[in-house]
Amino acid sequence: MRQKKSTLGEHLALLSVKYSVYPNEVFQALILAKQTEKVAVCGNLNVEYRGKTKGETIFLITKDSDVVAQFRVEEEFLHRKDNPFESWMNTEKIKKKIAKQNTESAYIQIKDLRAGMKRINIKAEVLEIPQPTQVHTQFGNNIMVVNAIVGDDTDKINLCLWDGQINQINVGNCIELRNGQVCVFRGDRQLRLGKNGSISVLNSEQIKPPLATIR
């Protein structure tokens, strides 16, 4: 399957959504595979350099022993210095793919969270709540904000909480977050509640499956 430069970003974004890796990770794996002329590992995918032809590099992507995709990439694309990954995830096609995957499971594991996801539900343990800091908003008022750290048995992630949200949870609580969204802040994934999100503390009977072992 030959991908034009205008559609290659979307193609990599679809791969990232389907196989739970970041588009940036796929892009960096392409570069590494080309530089070493060997297989680069990207999550559960193997990215293999297969040679060059007419100014294009050929890659083969496999999962276990199954072929996922084979395509050509123009040299100019591999030398990009900007950061196009966020825009790749914001096309309507990718948003629909993410939304479809979000509805297939009631709860998502933290390791599978990707930038651009919305209306997600997770269960996690509160691992750390740093000292809140005061920020001055564009509306002229001061509010408190903190990036709590929450985790399940697959990974951990920052959870951004504002003002009254901060006092809703404590370290050691097992929580349920509903209708959250995932963004990237200073290069790291971050969970946010947004306008329609909610957070609640679970009792022992609601904690299924067992939560955080990652610290």
C-alpha atoms as a PDB file:
ATOM      1  CA  MET A   1       0.000   0.000   0.000  1.00  0.00           C
ATOM      2  CA  ARG A   2       1.638   3.242  -1.118  1.00  0.00           C
ATOM      3  CA  GLN A   3       0.879   6.263   1.025  1.00  0.00           C
ATOM      4  CA  LYS A   4       1.114   9.801  -0.325  1.00  0.00           C
ATOM      5  CA  LYS A   5       2.778  12.368   1.924  1.00  0.00           C
ATOM      6  CA  SER A   6      -0.552  14.109   2.499  1.00  0.00           C
ATOM      7  CA  THR A   7      -2.103  10.939   3.951  1.00  0.00           C
ATOM      8  CA  LEU A   8       0.872   9.263   5.636  1.00  0.00           C
ATOM      9  CA  GLY A   9       0.370  11.115   8.920  1.00  0.00           C
ATOM     10  CA  GLU A  10      -3.217   9.918   9.107  1.00  0.00           C
ATOM     11  CA  HIS A  11      -2.095   6.382   8.280  1.00  0.00           C
ATOM     12  CA  LEU A  12       0.407   6.436  11.166  1.00  0.00           C
ATOM     13  CA  ALA A  13      -2.264   7.893  13.455  1.00  0.00           C
ATOM     14  CA  LEU A  14      -4.627   5.011  12.606  1.00  0.00           C
ATOM     15  CA  LEU A  15      -1.854   2.546  13.444  1.00  0.00           C
ATOM     16  CA  SER A  16      -1.222   4.292  16.741  1.00  0.00           C
ATOM     17  CA  VAL A  17      -4.904   4.154  17.725  1.00  0.00           C
ATOM     18  CA  LYS A  18      -5.367   0.531  16.722  1.00  0.00           C
ATOM     19  CA  TYR A  19      -2.191  -0.754  18.384  1.00  0.00           C
ATOM     20  CA  SER A  20      -2.050   1.598  21.402  1.00  0.00           C
ATOM     21  CA  VAL A  21       1.152   3.480  20.631  1.00  0.00           C
ATOM     22  CA  TYR A  22       1.819   7.193  20.188  1.00  0.00           C
ATOM     23  CA  PRO A  23       2.145   8.556  16.613  1.00  0.00           C
ATOM     24  CA  ASN A  24       5.452  10.064  17.730  1.00  0.00           C
ATOM     25  CA  GLU A  25       6.674   6.602  18.754  1.00  0.00           C
ATOM     26  CA  VAL A  26       5.790   5.199  15.329  1.00  0.00           C
ATOM     27  CA  PHE A  27       7.536   8.124  13.619  1.00  0.00           C
ATOM     28  CA  GLN A  28      10.686   7.740  15.739  1.00  0.00           C
ATOM     29  CA  ALA A  29      10.693   3.985  15.078  1.00  0.00           C
ATOM     30  CA  LEU A  30      10.679   4.680  11.328  1.00  0.00           C
ATOM     31  CA  ILE A  31      13.691   6.960  11.708  1.00  0.00           C
ATOM     32  CA  LEU A  32      15.575   4.472  13.910  1.00  0.00           C
ATOM     33  CA  ALA A  33      14.853   1.554  11.572  1.00  0.00           C
ATOM     34  CA  LYS A  34      16.171   3.571   8.621  1.00  0.00           C
ATOM     35  CA  GLN A  35      19.299   4.717  10.467  1.00  0.00           C
ATOM     36  CA  THR A  36      20.225   1.237  11.713  1.00  0.00           C
ATOM     37  CA  GLU A  37      18.721  -0.683   8.778  1.00  0.00           C
ATOM     38  CA  LYS A  38      17.341  -3.061  11.398  1.00  0.00           C
ATOM     39  CA  VAL A  39      14.067  -3.744  13.177  1.00  0.00           C
ATOM     40  CA  ALA A  40      12.907  -1.039  15.617  1.00  0.00           C
ATOM     41  CA  VAL A  41      10.437  -2.008  18.342  1.00  0.00           C
ATOM     42  CA  CYS A  42       7.452   0.272  18.881  1.00  0.00           C
ATOM     43  CA  GLY A  43       5.135  -0.968  21.618  1.00  0.00           C
ATOM     44  CA  ASN A  44       3.811  -4.303  20.356  1.00  0.00           C
ATOM     45  CA  LEU A  45       4.849  -3.515  16.772  1.00  0.00           C
ATOM     46  CA  ASN A  46       8.076  -4.233  14.884  1.00  0.00           C
ATOM     47  CA  VAL A  47       9.135  -1.636  12.317  1.00  0.00           C
ATOM     48  CA  GLU A  48      11.504  -3.056   9.689  1.00  0.00           C
ATOM     49  CA  TYR A  49      13.579  -1.161   7.121  1.00  0.00           C
ATOM     50  CA  ARG A  50      13.168  -2.848   3.714  1.00  0.00           C
ATOM     51  CA  GLY A  51      15.318  -0.655   1.469  1.00  0.00           C
ATOM     52  CA  LYS A  52      15.031   2.453  -0.709  1.00  0.00           C
ATOM     53  CA  THR A  53      13.657   3.200  -4.147  1.00  0.00           C
ATOM     54  CA  LYS A  54      13.397   6.499  -6.067  1.00  0.00           C
ATOM     55  CA  GLY A  55      13.922   8.719  -3.023  1.00  0.00           C
ATOM     56  CA  GLU A  56      11.534   6.755  -0.832  1.00  0.00           C
ATOM     57  CA  THR A  57      12.183   4.378   2.069  1.00  0.00           C
ATOM     58  CA  ILE A  58      10.190   1.148   2.337  1.00  0.00           C
ATOM     59  CA  PHE A  59       9.031  -0.052   5.746  1.00  0.00           C
ATOM     60  CA  LEU A  60       7.301  -3.216   6.895  1.00  0.00           C
ATOM     61  CA  ILE A  61       5.331  -3.207  10.156  1.00  0.00           C
ATOM     62  CA  THR A  62       4.491  -6.500  11.842  1.00  0.00           C
ATOM     63  CA  LYS A  63       2.898  -7.673  15.073  1.00  0.00           C
ATOM     64  CA  ASP A  64       4.197 -11.015  16.232  1.00  0.00           C
ATOM     65  CA  SER A  65       4.418 -12.863  12.901  1.00  0.00           C
ATOM     66  CA  ASP A  66       1.526 -11.042  11.231  1.00  0.00           C
ATOM     67  CA  VAL A  67       2.002  -8.260   8.683  1.00  0.00           C
ATOM     68  CA  VAL A  68       0.283  -5.034   9.749  1.00  0.00           C
ATOM     69  CA  ALA A  69       1.319  -2.731   6.899  1.00  0.00           C
ATOM     70  CA  GLN A  70       3.965  -2.047   4.293  1.00  0.00           C
ATOM     71  CA  PHE A  71       4.387   1.411   2.804  1.00  0.00           C
ATOM     72  CA  ARG A  72       6.840   3.888   1.317  1.00  0.00           C
ATOM     73  CA  VAL A  73       7.897   7.129   2.985  1.00  0.00           C
ATOM     74  CA  GLU A  74       9.463  10.084   1.207  1.00  0.00           C
ATOM     75  CA  GLU A  75      12.843  11.212   2.541  1.00  0.00           C
ATOM     76  CA  GLU A  76      11.470  14.722   3.120  1.00  0.00           C
ATOM     77  CA  PHE A  77       8.844  13.328   5.487  1.00  0.00           C
ATOM     78  CA  LEU A  78      11.445  11.576   7.652  1.00  0.00           C
ATOM     79  CA  HIS A  79      13.459  14.806   7.934  1.00  0.00           C
ATOM     80  CA  ARG A  80      10.601  16.921   9.287  1.00  0.00           C
ATOM     81  CA  LYS A  81      11.620  19.152  12.200  1.00  0.00           C
ATOM     82  CA  ASP A  82       8.148  20.316  13.230  1.00  0.00           C
ATOM     83  CA  ASN A  83       5.790  18.399  15.513  1.00  0.00           C
ATOM     84  CA  PRO A  84       2.842  17.211  13.371  1.00  0.00           C
ATOM     85  CA  PHE A  85       1.651  14.450  15.697  1.00  0.00           C
ATOM     86  CA  GLU A  86      -1.066  16.455  17.446  1.00  0.00           C
ATOM     87  CA  SER A  87      -2.646  17.433  14.106  1.00  0.00           C
ATOM     88  CA  TRP A  88      -2.609  13.815  12.934  1.00  0.00           C
ATOM     89  CA  MET A  89      -4.824  12.857  15.867  1.00  0.00           C
ATOM     90  CA  ASN A  90      -7.321  15.669  15.228  1.00  0.00           C
ATOM     91  CA  THR A  91      -8.702  14.597  11.848  1.00  0.00           C
ATOM     92  CA  GLU A  92     -12.345  13.514  11.757  1.00  0.00           C
ATOM     93  CA  LYS A  93     -11.388  10.005  10.691  1.00  0.00           C
ATOM     94  CA  ILE A  94      -9.088   9.542  13.688  1.00  0.00           C
ATOM     95  CA  LYS A  95     -11.592  11.071  16.100  1.00  0.00           C
ATOM     96  CA  LYS A  96     -14.266   8.644  14.903  1.00  0.00           C
ATOM     97  CA  LYS A  97     -11.849   5.729  15.313  1.00  0.00           C
ATOM     98  CA  ILE A  98     -11.003   6.807  18.860  1.00  0.00           C
ATOM     99  CA  ALA A  99     -14.664   7.332  19.724  1.00  0.00           C
ATOM    100  CA  LYS A 100     -15.532   3.866  18.415  1.00  0.00           C
ATOM    101  CA  GLN A 101     -12.814   2.259  20.510  1.00  0.00           C
ATOM    102  CA  ASN A 102     -13.904   4.249  23.554  1.00  0.00           C
ATOM    103  CA  THR A 103     -17.420   2.795  23.346  1.00  0.00           C
ATOM    104  CA  GLU A 104     -16.186  -0.782  23.020  1.00  0.00           C
ATOM    105  CA  SER A 105     -15.013  -0.954  26.622  1.00  0.00           C
ATOM    106  CA  ALA A 106     -16.536   0.527  29.750  1.00  0.00           C
ATOM    107  CA  TYR A 107     -13.119   1.191  31.304  1.00  0.00           C
ATOM    108  CA  ILE A 108      -9.780   1.845  29.658  1.00  0.00           C
ATOM    109  CA  GLN A 109      -6.420   0.828  31.067  1.00  0.00           C
ATOM    110  CA  ILE A 110      -4.020   3.703  31.612  1.00  0.00           C
ATOM    111  CA  LYS A 111      -1.400   2.187  29.290  1.00  0.00           C
ATOM    112  CA  ASP A 112      -3.896   2.503  26.431  1.00  0.00           C
ATOM    113  CA  LEU A 113      -4.676   6.206  26.935  1.00  0.00           C
ATOM    114  CA  ARG A 114      -3.658   8.396  23.993  1.00  0.00           C
ATOM    115  CA  ALA A 115      -3.722  12.118  23.331  1.00  0.00           C
ATOM    116  CA  GLY A 116      -7.027  13.208  21.843  1.00  0.00           C
ATOM    117  CA  MET A 117      -9.187  10.637  23.600  1.00  0.00           C
ATOM    118  CA  LYS A 118     -12.435  12.011  25.024  1.00  0.00           C
ATOM    119  CA  ARG A 119     -15.336  10.625  27.058  1.00  0.00           C
ATOM    120  CA  ILE A 120     -13.089   7.992  28.646  1.00  0.00           C
ATOM    121  CA  ASN A 121     -13.745   6.066  31.843  1.00  0.00           C
ATOM    122  CA  ILE A 122     -10.999   4.674  34.078  1.00  0.00           C
ATOM    123  CA  LYS A 123     -10.569   3.170  37.519  1.00  0.00           C
ATOM    124  CA  ALA A 124      -7.313   3.967  39.293  1.00  0.00           C
ATOM    125  CA  GLU A 125      -5.607   4.451  42.644  1.00  0.00           C
ATOM    126  CA  VAL A 126      -4.438   7.874  43.793  1.00  0.00           C
ATOM    127  CA  LEU A 127      -0.681   7.489  44.231  1.00  0.00           C
ATOM    128  CA  GLU A 128       0.429  11.046  44.929  1.00  0.00           C
ATOM    129  CA  ILE A 129      -1.030  14.527  45.371  1.00  0.00           C
ATOM    130  CA  PRO A 130       1.696  17.213  45.336  1.00  0.00           C
ATOM    131  CA  GLN A 131       1.245  20.606  46.988  1.00  0.00           C
ATOM    132  CA  PRO A 132      -1.239  22.639  44.897  1.00  0.00           C
ATOM    133  CA  THR A 133       0.032  25.793  43.241  1.00  0.00           C
ATOM    134  CA  GLN A 134      -1.788  29.032  42.562  1.00  0.00           C
ATOM    135  CA  VAL A 135      -2.089  30.232  38.975  1.00  0.00           C
ATOM    136  CA  HIS A 136      -3.361  33.519  37.571  1.00  0.00           C
ATOM    137  CA  THR A 137      -5.916  32.956  34.792  1.00  0.00           C
ATOM    138  CA  GLN A 138      -6.613  35.010  31.688  1.00  0.00           C
ATOM    139  CA  PHE A 139      -9.858  36.126  33.362  1.00  0.00           C
ATOM    140  CA  GLY A 140      -7.951  37.925  36.102  1.00  0.00           C
ATOM    141  CA  ASN A 141      -8.632  35.539  38.990  1.00  0.00           C
ATOM    142  CA  ASN A 142      -6.375  33.170  40.953  1.00  0.00           C
ATOM    143  CA  ILE A 143      -7.132  29.458  41.220  1.00  0.00           C
ATOM    144  CA  MET A 144      -5.384  26.421  42.681  1.00  0.00           C
ATOM    145  CA  VAL A 145      -4.192  23.572  40.452  1.00  0.00           C
ATOM    146  CA  VAL A 146      -2.388  20.296  41.059  1.00  0.00           C
ATOM    147  CA  ASN A 147      -1.240  17.358  38.932  1.00  0.00           C
ATOM    148  CA  ALA A 148      -2.106  14.308  41.009  1.00  0.00           C
ATOM    149  CA  ILE A 149      -0.603  10.970  39.988  1.00  0.00           C
ATOM    150  CA  VAL A 150      -3.007   8.055  39.554  1.00  0.00           C
ATOM    151  CA  GLY A 151      -2.277   4.511  38.448  1.00  0.00           C
ATOM    152  CA  ASP A 152      -3.646   1.060  37.739  1.00  0.00           C
ATOM    153  CA  ASP A 153      -1.782  -2.209  37.285  1.00  0.00           C
ATOM    154  CA  THR A 154      -0.653  -1.182  33.775  1.00  0.00           C
ATOM    155  CA  ASP A 155       0.758   2.361  34.137  1.00  0.00           C
ATOM    156  CA  LYS A 156       0.345   5.724  35.833  1.00  0.00           C
ATOM    157  CA  ILE A 157      -0.601   9.188  34.579  1.00  0.00           C
ATOM    158  CA  ASN A 158      -0.977  12.795  35.756  1.00  0.00           C
ATOM    159  CA  LEU A 159      -4.519  13.882  36.629  1.00  0.00           C
ATOM    160  CA  CYS A 160      -5.027  17.650  36.485  1.00  0.00           C
ATOM    161  CA  LEU A 161      -7.354  18.934  39.222  1.00  0.00           C
ATOM    162  CA  TRP A 162      -8.604  22.480  39.801  1.00  0.00           C
ATOM    163  CA  ASP A 163      -9.845  24.204  42.961  1.00  0.00           C
ATOM    164  CA  GLY A 164     -12.768  22.202  44.425  1.00  0.00           C
ATOM    165  CA  GLN A 165     -11.762  19.043  42.562  1.00  0.00           C
ATOM    166  CA  ILE A 166      -8.549  18.819  44.597  1.00  0.00           C
ATOM    167  CA  ASN A 167     -10.333  18.076  47.876  1.00  0.00           C
ATOM    168  CA  GLN A 168     -12.477  15.311  46.391  1.00  0.00           C
ATOM    169  CA  ILE A 169      -9.719  12.683  46.606  1.00  0.00           C
ATOM    170  CA  ASN A 170      -6.881  11.604  48.891  1.00  0.00           C
ATOM    171  CA  VAL A 171      -3.762   9.490  48.452  1.00  0.00           C
ATOM    172  CA  GLY A 172      -4.718   5.808  48.651  1.00  0.00           C
ATOM    173  CA  ASN A 173      -8.259   6.341  47.341  1.00  0.00           C
ATOM    174  CA  CYS A 174      -9.453   4.136  44.510  1.00  0.00           C
ATOM    175  CA  ILE A 175     -11.325   6.406  42.135  1.00  0.00           C
ATOM    176  CA  GLU A 176     -13.551   6.266  39.103  1.00  0.00           C
ATOM    177  CA  LEU A 177     -13.137   8.982  36.489  1.00  0.00           C
ATOM    178  CA  ARG A 178     -15.908   9.309  33.903  1.00  0.00           C
ATOM    179  CA  ASN A 179     -16.070  11.363  30.701  1.00  0.00           C
ATOM    180  CA  GLY A 180     -12.451  12.420  31.027  1.00  0.00           C
ATOM    181  CA  GLN A 181     -10.130  13.473  28.240  1.00  0.00           C
ATOM    182  CA  VAL A 182      -6.442  13.001  27.481  1.00  0.00           C
ATOM    183  CA  CYS A 183      -4.099  15.736  26.323  1.00  0.00           C
ATOM    184  CA  VAL A 184      -0.345  16.287  26.178  1.00  0.00           C
ATOM    185  CA  PHE A 185       1.170  18.909  28.484  1.00  0.00           C
ATOM    186  CA  ARG A 186       4.905  19.597  28.300  1.00  0.00           C
ATOM    187  CA  GLY A 187       5.451  16.309  26.505  1.00  0.00           C
ATOM    188  CA  ASP A 188       3.569  14.099  28.984  1.00  0.00           C
ATOM    189  CA  ARG A 189       0.101  12.566  28.848  1.00  0.00           C
ATOM    190  CA  GLN A 190      -2.371  14.229  31.170  1.00  0.00           C
ATOM    191  CA  LEU A 191      -5.906  13.339  32.225  1.00  0.00           C
ATOM    192  CA  ARG A 192      -8.432  16.154  32.572  1.00  0.00           C
ATOM    193  CA  LEU A 193     -12.047  16.197  33.657  1.00  0.00           C
ATOM    194  CA  GLY A 194     -13.164  18.944  31.277  1.00  0.00           C
ATOM    195  CA  LYS A 195     -16.692  20.357  31.444  1.00  0.00           C
ATOM    196  CA  ASN A 196     -18.555  17.044  31.587  1.00  0.00           C
ATOM    197  CA  GLY A 197     -16.106  14.901  33.520  1.00  0.00           C
ATOM    198  CA  SER A 198     -16.643  13.588  37.031  1.00  0.00           C
ATOM    199  CA  ILE A 199     -14.569  11.881  39.692  1.00  0.00           C
ATOM    200  CA  SER A 200     -15.720   9.741  42.607  1.00  0.00           C
ATOM    201  CA  VAL A 201     -14.141   7.585  45.309  1.00  0.00           C
ATOM    202  CA  LEU A 202     -14.976   3.876  45.059  1.00  0.00           C
ATOM    203  CA  ASN A 203     -15.795   1.556  47.906  1.00  0.00           C
ATOM    204  CA  SER A 204     -14.162  -1.866  48.217  1.00  0.00           C
ATOM    205  CA  GLU A 205     -16.972  -3.674  46.375  1.00  0.00           C
ATOM    206  CA  GLN A 206     -16.604  -1.391  43.332  1.00  0.00           C
ATOM    207  CA  ILE A 207     -12.855  -1.984  42.856  1.00  0.00           C
ATOM    208  CA  LYS A 208     -12.710  -4.447  39.968  1.00  0.00           C
ATOM    209  CA  PRO A 209     -10.130  -5.258  38.677  1.00  0.00           C
ATOM    210  CA  PRO A 210      -7.493  -4.732  41.422  1.00  0.00           C
ATOM    211  CA  LEU A 211      -5.699  -1.445  41.007  1.00  0.00           C
ATOM    212  CA  ALA A 212      -2.273   0.085  41.218  1.00  0.00           C
ATOM    213  CA  THR A 213       0.827  -2.035  41.500  1.00  0.00           C
ATOM    214  CA  ILE A 214       2.834   0.472  39.441  1.00  0.00           C
ATOM    215  CA  ARG A 215       4.601   3.141  41.485  1.00  0.00           C
END
